[in-house]
Amino acid sequence: MLITDMLEDLGHEVVGPAHDLNEGLALAQTAAFDCAILDISLNGRSSMPIADTLRQRGLPFMFASGYPPDPEDAGFRGVPLLQKPFNMKQVEDALDHEAFRAG
């Protein structure tokens, strides 16, 4: 919830958040939004299926986690990572980063 507050304080409208894989997939498949920030693990389940869906839709996304992405998920190398713990300035910088905006 902290990231939701940070995003709203930065002037962004938040869609979600999704607290589990099914909620995340539903949003990724149907919701209208400009970009996504995904926790790598949602209640112990990988968010990679959500990332796949976002990629198919051509929507930019980044990961937010205290852990690095699984090395076996090689298709996600280069996706920006917002390393936990983070502060509002780091969120703002990550949203402005060229690699994220390029999708």
C-alpha atoms as a PDB file:
ATOM      1  CA  MET A   1       0.000   0.000   0.000  1.00  0.00           C
ATOM      2  CA  LEU A   2       2.935   2.332   0.556  1.00  0.00           C
ATOM      3  CA  ILE A   3       3.698   2.448  -3.163  1.00  0.00           C
ATOM      4  CA  THR A   4       0.047   3.298  -3.882  1.00  0.00           C
ATOM      5  CA  ASP A   5       0.337   6.304  -1.569  1.00  0.00           C
ATOM      6  CA  MET A   6       3.627   7.347  -3.180  1.00  0.00           C
ATOM      7  CA  LEU A   7       2.190   7.126  -6.694  1.00  0.00           C
ATOM      8  CA  GLU A   8      -0.872   9.148  -5.714  1.00  0.00           C
ATOM      9  CA  ASP A   9       1.322  11.753  -4.004  1.00  0.00           C
ATOM     10  CA  LEU A  10       3.264  12.017  -7.281  1.00  0.00           C
ATOM     11  CA  GLY A  11       0.007  12.760  -9.103  1.00  0.00           C
ATOM     12  CA  HIS A  12      -0.664   9.363 -10.658  1.00  0.00           C
ATOM     13  CA  GLU A  13      -3.988   7.550 -10.687  1.00  0.00           C
ATOM     14  CA  VAL A  14      -3.600   4.004  -9.400  1.00  0.00           C
ATOM     15  CA  VAL A  15      -5.464   1.070 -10.929  1.00  0.00           C
ATOM     16  CA  GLY A  16      -5.539  -1.750  -8.434  1.00  0.00           C
ATOM     17  CA  PRO A  17      -3.545  -2.731  -6.530  1.00  0.00           C
ATOM     18  CA  ALA A  18      -3.773  -6.447  -7.161  1.00  0.00           C
ATOM     19  CA  HIS A  19      -2.953  -8.572  -4.145  1.00  0.00           C
ATOM     20  CA  ASP A  20      -2.657 -11.928  -5.865  1.00  0.00           C
ATOM     21  CA  LEU A  21      -1.890 -13.475  -9.231  1.00  0.00           C
ATOM     22  CA  ASN A  22      -5.509 -13.810 -10.352  1.00  0.00           C
ATOM     23  CA  GLU A  23      -6.336 -10.176  -9.577  1.00  0.00           C
ATOM     24  CA  GLY A  24      -3.151  -9.083 -11.322  1.00  0.00           C
ATOM     25  CA  LEU A  25      -3.882 -11.135 -14.421  1.00  0.00           C
ATOM     26  CA  ALA A  26      -7.419  -9.767 -14.622  1.00  0.00           C
ATOM     27  CA  LEU A  27      -6.130  -6.192 -14.478  1.00  0.00           C
ATOM     28  CA  ALA A  28      -3.308  -6.905 -16.924  1.00  0.00           C
ATOM     29  CA  GLN A  29      -5.735  -8.375 -19.440  1.00  0.00           C
ATOM     30  CA  THR A  30      -8.526  -5.817 -19.312  1.00  0.00           C
ATOM     31  CA  ALA A  31      -7.741  -2.632 -17.395  1.00  0.00           C
ATOM     32  CA  ALA A  32      -6.805   0.639 -19.062  1.00  0.00           C
ATOM     33  CA  PHE A  33      -3.551   2.072 -17.705  1.00  0.00           C
ATOM     34  CA  ASP A  34      -0.248   3.477 -18.940  1.00  0.00           C
ATOM     35  CA  CYS A  35       2.243   1.332 -17.031  1.00  0.00           C
ATOM     36  CA  ALA A  36       2.564  -1.170 -14.207  1.00  0.00           C
ATOM     37  CA  ILE A  37       4.773  -1.840 -11.226  1.00  0.00           C
ATOM     38  CA  LEU A  38       4.825  -5.528 -10.331  1.00  0.00           C
ATOM     39  CA  ASP A  39       6.051  -7.162  -7.174  1.00  0.00           C
ATOM     40  CA  ILE A  40       8.018 -10.212  -8.297  1.00  0.00           C
ATOM     41  CA  SER A  41       6.194 -12.370  -5.752  1.00  0.00           C
ATOM     42  CA  LEU A  42       2.458 -12.104  -5.054  1.00  0.00           C
ATOM     43  CA  ASN A  43       1.628 -14.163  -1.996  1.00  0.00           C
ATOM     44  CA  GLY A  44       4.402 -16.580  -2.912  1.00  0.00           C
ATOM     45  CA  ARG A  45       3.462 -16.834  -6.609  1.00  0.00           C
ATOM     46  CA  SER A  46       5.521 -15.413  -9.432  1.00  0.00           C
ATOM     47  CA  SER A  47       4.118 -12.350 -11.202  1.00  0.00           C
ATOM     48  CA  MET A  48       5.791 -13.385 -14.474  1.00  0.00           C
ATOM     49  CA  PRO A  49       2.459 -14.389 -16.098  1.00  0.00           C
ATOM     50  CA  ILE A  50       1.278 -10.813 -15.475  1.00  0.00           C
ATOM     51  CA  ALA A  51       4.492  -9.474 -16.991  1.00  0.00           C
ATOM     52  CA  ASP A  52       3.939 -11.709 -20.043  1.00  0.00           C
ATOM     53  CA  THR A  53       0.433 -10.322 -20.476  1.00  0.00           C
ATOM     54  CA  LEU A  54       1.629  -6.732 -20.161  1.00  0.00           C
ATOM     55  CA  ARG A  55       4.374  -7.375 -22.688  1.00  0.00           C
ATOM     56  CA  GLN A  56       1.832  -8.836 -25.130  1.00  0.00           C
ATOM     57  CA  ARG A  57      -0.303  -5.721 -24.715  1.00  0.00           C
ATOM     58  CA  GLY A  58       2.735  -3.501 -25.276  1.00  0.00           C
ATOM     59  CA  LEU A  59       2.453  -1.870 -21.842  1.00  0.00           C
ATOM     60  CA  PRO A  60       5.612  -0.852 -20.010  1.00  0.00           C
ATOM     61  CA  PHE A  61       6.226  -2.362 -16.597  1.00  0.00           C
ATOM     62  CA  MET A  62       8.878  -2.629 -13.931  1.00  0.00           C
ATOM     63  CA  PHE A  63       9.419  -4.936 -11.028  1.00  0.00           C
ATOM     64  CA  ALA A  64       9.497  -3.884  -7.375  1.00  0.00           C
ATOM     65  CA  SER A  65      11.064  -6.378  -5.015  1.00  0.00           C
ATOM     66  CA  GLY A  66      13.480  -7.037  -2.238  1.00  0.00           C
ATOM     67  CA  TYR A  67      14.762  -9.923  -4.344  1.00  0.00           C
ATOM     68  CA  PRO A  68      16.246  -9.985  -7.838  1.00  0.00           C
ATOM     69  CA  PRO A  69      14.248 -11.623 -10.641  1.00  0.00           C
ATOM     70  CA  ASP A  70      14.737 -15.366 -11.030  1.00  0.00           C
ATOM     71  CA  PRO A  71      17.704 -15.949 -13.373  1.00  0.00           C
ATOM     72  CA  GLU A  72      15.600 -18.562 -15.172  1.00  0.00           C
ATOM     73  CA  ASP A  73      13.242 -15.773 -16.270  1.00  0.00           C
ATOM     74  CA  ALA A  74      15.796 -14.643 -18.855  1.00  0.00           C
ATOM     75  CA  GLY A  75      13.087 -13.022 -20.954  1.00  0.00           C
ATOM     76  CA  PHE A  76      12.811 -10.305 -18.324  1.00  0.00           C
ATOM     77  CA  ARG A  77      16.458  -9.262 -18.198  1.00  0.00           C
ATOM     78  CA  GLY A  78      16.656  -5.529 -18.652  1.00  0.00           C
ATOM     79  CA  VAL A  79      13.234  -4.851 -17.144  1.00  0.00           C
ATOM     80  CA  PRO A  80      13.741  -2.044 -14.607  1.00  0.00           C
ATOM     81  CA  LEU A  81      13.814  -3.119 -10.950  1.00  0.00           C
ATOM     82  CA  LEU A  82      12.748  -0.863  -8.105  1.00  0.00           C
ATOM     83  CA  GLN A  83      14.730  -2.388  -5.252  1.00  0.00           C
ATOM     84  CA  LYS A  84      12.939  -2.533  -1.872  1.00  0.00           C
ATOM     85  CA  PRO A  85      13.052  -0.679   0.389  1.00  0.00           C
ATOM     86  CA  PHE A  86      12.558   2.424  -1.752  1.00  0.00           C
ATOM     87  CA  ASN A  87      11.467   5.990  -1.182  1.00  0.00           C
ATOM     88  CA  MET A  88       9.297   8.393  -3.175  1.00  0.00           C
ATOM     89  CA  LYS A  89      12.263   9.937  -5.015  1.00  0.00           C
ATOM     90  CA  GLN A  90      13.357   6.480  -6.201  1.00  0.00           C
ATOM     91  CA  VAL A  91       9.821   5.738  -7.438  1.00  0.00           C
ATOM     92  CA  GLU A  92       9.716   9.068  -9.263  1.00  0.00           C
ATOM     93  CA  ASP A  93      13.137   8.464 -10.835  1.00  0.00           C
ATOM     94  CA  ALA A  94      12.149   4.935 -11.875  1.00  0.00           C
ATOM     95  CA  LEU A  95       8.983   6.199 -13.580  1.00  0.00           C
ATOM     96  CA  ASP A  96      11.021   8.818 -15.429  1.00  0.00           C
ATOM     97  CA  HIS A  97      13.760   6.384 -16.492  1.00  0.00           C
ATOM     98  CA  GLU A  98      14.068   5.955 -20.261  1.00  0.00           C
ATOM     99  CA  ALA A  99      14.235   2.142 -20.079  1.00  0.00           C
ATOM    100  CA  PHE A 100      10.865   2.074 -18.336  1.00  0.00           C
ATOM    101  CA  ARG A 101       9.145   4.578 -20.583  1.00  0.00           C
ATOM    102  CA  ALA A 102      10.408   2.736 -23.662  1.00  0.00           C
ATOM    103  CA  GLY A 103       8.650  -0.415 -22.457  1.00  0.00           C
END
